[in-house]
Amino acid sequence: MLPVVLLCPAEDGIRDRSPFRGLGVVYKSQGVRDVQADGGDLKVFVTGRTINVFTSESGAIYTVDGTCVSEFEGTVHETVRPGIYIVRADGMVKKVLVK
């Protein structure tokens, strides 16, 4: 009996597999807007309709009319409706636009 050898082409997903991408690359590909990282302890940016807040302090996210959307203690990722929002934490204030 003769051995049978099957030759199959590689699937696109395997052949085209890209190396691991860091979070910065992922956020850039998602269209990050309104990055507000001025070297302070409060870093805020928007991906899609999510406000991402990185801080070790407690604070809150408000609409421009003063309505509290979310209170937080440290890092938070809050999905919101389109609009302008104010992020406050430990005396620092950032404004973000969610489209």
C-alpha atoms as a PDB file:
ATOM      1  CA  MET A   1       0.000   0.000   0.000  1.00  0.00           C
ATOM      2  CA  LEU A   2       1.338   3.450  -0.934  1.00  0.00           C
ATOM      3  CA  PRO A   3       1.285   6.265   1.624  1.00  0.00           C
ATOM      4  CA  VAL A   4      -1.092   9.111   0.832  1.00  0.00           C
ATOM      5  CA  VAL A   5       0.137  12.653   1.372  1.00  0.00           C
ATOM      6  CA  LEU A   6      -2.399  15.475   1.450  1.00  0.00           C
ATOM      7  CA  LEU A   7      -1.178  18.981   0.736  1.00  0.00           C
ATOM      8  CA  CYS A   8      -3.562  21.689   1.905  1.00  0.00           C
ATOM      9  CA  PRO A   9      -2.986  25.420   1.599  1.00  0.00           C
ATOM     10  CA  ALA A  10      -2.703  27.338   4.871  1.00  0.00           C
ATOM     11  CA  GLU A  11      -5.775  29.227   5.977  1.00  0.00           C
ATOM     12  CA  ASP A  12      -5.576  33.001   5.616  1.00  0.00           C
ATOM     13  CA  GLY A  13      -6.023  33.479   9.350  1.00  0.00           C
ATOM     14  CA  ILE A  14      -2.929  31.425  10.114  1.00  0.00           C
ATOM     15  CA  ARG A  15      -0.703  32.605   7.295  1.00  0.00           C
ATOM     16  CA  ASP A  16      -1.571  36.287   7.795  1.00  0.00           C
ATOM     17  CA  ARG A  17      -1.391  36.208  11.569  1.00  0.00           C
ATOM     18  CA  SER A  18       0.070  39.463  12.846  1.00  0.00           C
ATOM     19  CA  PRO A  19       2.247  39.711  15.936  1.00  0.00           C
ATOM     20  CA  PHE A  20       0.762  40.967  19.217  1.00  0.00           C
ATOM     21  CA  ARG A  21      -0.110  44.645  19.109  1.00  0.00           C
ATOM     22  CA  GLY A  22       0.107  46.823  22.199  1.00  0.00           C
ATOM     23  CA  LEU A  23      -2.918  48.703  23.513  1.00  0.00           C
ATOM     24  CA  GLY A  24      -1.669  51.955  21.988  1.00  0.00           C
ATOM     25  CA  VAL A  25      -1.869  50.450  18.510  1.00  0.00           C
ATOM     26  CA  VAL A  26      -5.340  49.066  19.200  1.00  0.00           C
ATOM     27  CA  TYR A  27      -6.611  52.421  20.494  1.00  0.00           C
ATOM     28  CA  LYS A  28      -5.128  54.239  17.472  1.00  0.00           C
ATOM     29  CA  SER A  29      -6.910  51.855  15.111  1.00  0.00           C
ATOM     30  CA  GLN A  30     -10.203  52.577  16.934  1.00  0.00           C
ATOM     31  CA  GLY A  31      -9.906  56.300  16.277  1.00  0.00           C
ATOM     32  CA  VAL A  32      -8.934  57.745  19.634  1.00  0.00           C
ATOM     33  CA  ARG A  33     -10.130  61.329  19.982  1.00  0.00           C
ATOM     34  CA  ASP A  34      -9.504  64.063  22.512  1.00  0.00           C
ATOM     35  CA  VAL A  35      -6.472  62.604  24.231  1.00  0.00           C
ATOM     36  CA  GLN A  36      -5.874  64.647  27.364  1.00  0.00           C
ATOM     37  CA  ALA A  37      -2.688  63.466  29.036  1.00  0.00           C
ATOM     38  CA  ASP A  38      -0.733  66.506  30.174  1.00  0.00           C
ATOM     39  CA  GLY A  39       1.679  64.731  32.494  1.00  0.00           C
ATOM     40  CA  GLY A  40      -0.607  65.021  35.523  1.00  0.00           C
ATOM     41  CA  ASP A  41      -2.178  62.201  37.494  1.00  0.00           C
ATOM     42  CA  LEU A  42      -5.415  62.330  35.456  1.00  0.00           C
ATOM     43  CA  LYS A  43      -5.373  60.844  31.964  1.00  0.00           C
ATOM     44  CA  VAL A  44      -8.580  60.845  29.921  1.00  0.00           C
ATOM     45  CA  PHE A  45      -9.320  59.711  26.376  1.00  0.00           C
ATOM     46  CA  VAL A  46     -12.249  58.543  24.280  1.00  0.00           C
ATOM     47  CA  THR A  47     -12.566  55.371  22.215  1.00  0.00           C
ATOM     48  CA  GLY A  48     -15.832  55.145  20.340  1.00  0.00           C
ATOM     49  CA  ARG A  49     -18.435  56.135  22.938  1.00  0.00           C
ATOM     50  CA  THR A  50     -16.380  55.141  25.971  1.00  0.00           C
ATOM     51  CA  ILE A  51     -14.639  57.658  28.214  1.00  0.00           C
ATOM     52  CA  ASN A  52     -11.466  56.060  29.607  1.00  0.00           C
ATOM     53  CA  VAL A  53     -10.150  57.627  32.814  1.00  0.00           C
ATOM     54  CA  PHE A  54      -6.808  56.602  34.294  1.00  0.00           C
ATOM     55  CA  THR A  55      -6.069  57.978  37.758  1.00  0.00           C
ATOM     56  CA  SER A  56      -5.360  56.787  41.273  1.00  0.00           C
ATOM     57  CA  GLU A  57      -7.758  59.382  42.698  1.00  0.00           C
ATOM     58  CA  SER A  58     -11.517  59.438  43.179  1.00  0.00           C
ATOM     59  CA  GLY A  59     -13.614  61.642  40.939  1.00  0.00           C
ATOM     60  CA  ALA A  60     -16.624  61.873  38.664  1.00  0.00           C
ATOM     61  CA  ILE A  61     -17.767  62.373  35.071  1.00  0.00           C
ATOM     62  CA  TYR A  62     -20.339  65.119  34.451  1.00  0.00           C
ATOM     63  CA  THR A  63     -22.345  66.412  31.519  1.00  0.00           C
ATOM     64  CA  VAL A  64     -21.856  70.107  30.721  1.00  0.00           C
ATOM     65  CA  ASP A  65     -25.116  70.930  32.532  1.00  0.00           C
ATOM     66  CA  GLY A  66     -23.683  69.457  35.764  1.00  0.00           C
ATOM     67  CA  THR A  67     -25.427  66.079  35.810  1.00  0.00           C
ATOM     68  CA  CYS A  68     -23.207  63.382  37.354  1.00  0.00           C
ATOM     69  CA  VAL A  69     -22.851  60.474  34.935  1.00  0.00           C
ATOM     70  CA  SER A  70     -20.468  58.332  36.965  1.00  0.00           C
ATOM     71  CA  GLU A  71     -18.439  58.476  40.173  1.00  0.00           C
ATOM     72  CA  PHE A  72     -15.205  56.520  40.330  1.00  0.00           C
ATOM     73  CA  GLU A  73     -12.293  55.540  42.534  1.00  0.00           C
ATOM     74  CA  GLY A  74      -9.318  55.044  40.226  1.00  0.00           C
ATOM     75  CA  THR A  75      -9.472  53.810  36.647  1.00  0.00           C
ATOM     76  CA  VAL A  76     -12.877  53.702  34.932  1.00  0.00           C
ATOM     77  CA  HIS A  77     -14.258  53.031  31.434  1.00  0.00           C
ATOM     78  CA  GLU A  78     -17.700  54.603  31.077  1.00  0.00           C
ATOM     79  CA  THR A  79     -19.843  54.222  27.940  1.00  0.00           C
ATOM     80  CA  VAL A  80     -21.896  57.359  27.314  1.00  0.00           C
ATOM     81  CA  ARG A  81     -24.065  59.073  24.728  1.00  0.00           C
ATOM     82  CA  PRO A  82     -22.519  61.566  22.286  1.00  0.00           C
ATOM     83  CA  GLY A  83     -21.822  64.954  23.873  1.00  0.00           C
ATOM     84  CA  ILE A  84     -19.324  67.005  25.850  1.00  0.00           C
ATOM     85  CA  TYR A  85     -18.294  65.699  29.267  1.00  0.00           C
ATOM     86  CA  ILE A  86     -16.240  67.044  32.150  1.00  0.00           C
ATOM     87  CA  VAL A  87     -14.008  64.684  34.142  1.00  0.00           C
ATOM     88  CA  ARG A  88     -12.948  65.849  37.623  1.00  0.00           C
ATOM     89  CA  ALA A  89     -10.527  64.122  39.982  1.00  0.00           C
ATOM     90  CA  ASP A  90      -8.480  65.534  42.872  1.00  0.00           C
ATOM     91  CA  GLY A  91      -8.713  69.158  41.729  1.00  0.00           C
ATOM     92  CA  MET A  92      -7.906  68.356  38.086  1.00  0.00           C
ATOM     93  CA  VAL A  93     -10.439  68.880  35.295  1.00  0.00           C
ATOM     94  CA  LYS A  94     -10.512  67.516  31.730  1.00  0.00           C
ATOM     95  CA  LYS A  95     -13.079  68.134  28.990  1.00  0.00           C
ATOM     96  CA  VAL A  96     -13.812  65.427  26.397  1.00  0.00           C
ATOM     97  CA  LEU A  97     -15.985  65.246  23.313  1.00  0.00           C
ATOM     98  CA  VAL A  98     -17.782  61.985  22.524  1.00  0.00           C
ATOM     99  CA  LYS A  99     -19.027  61.818  18.934  1.00  0.00           C
END
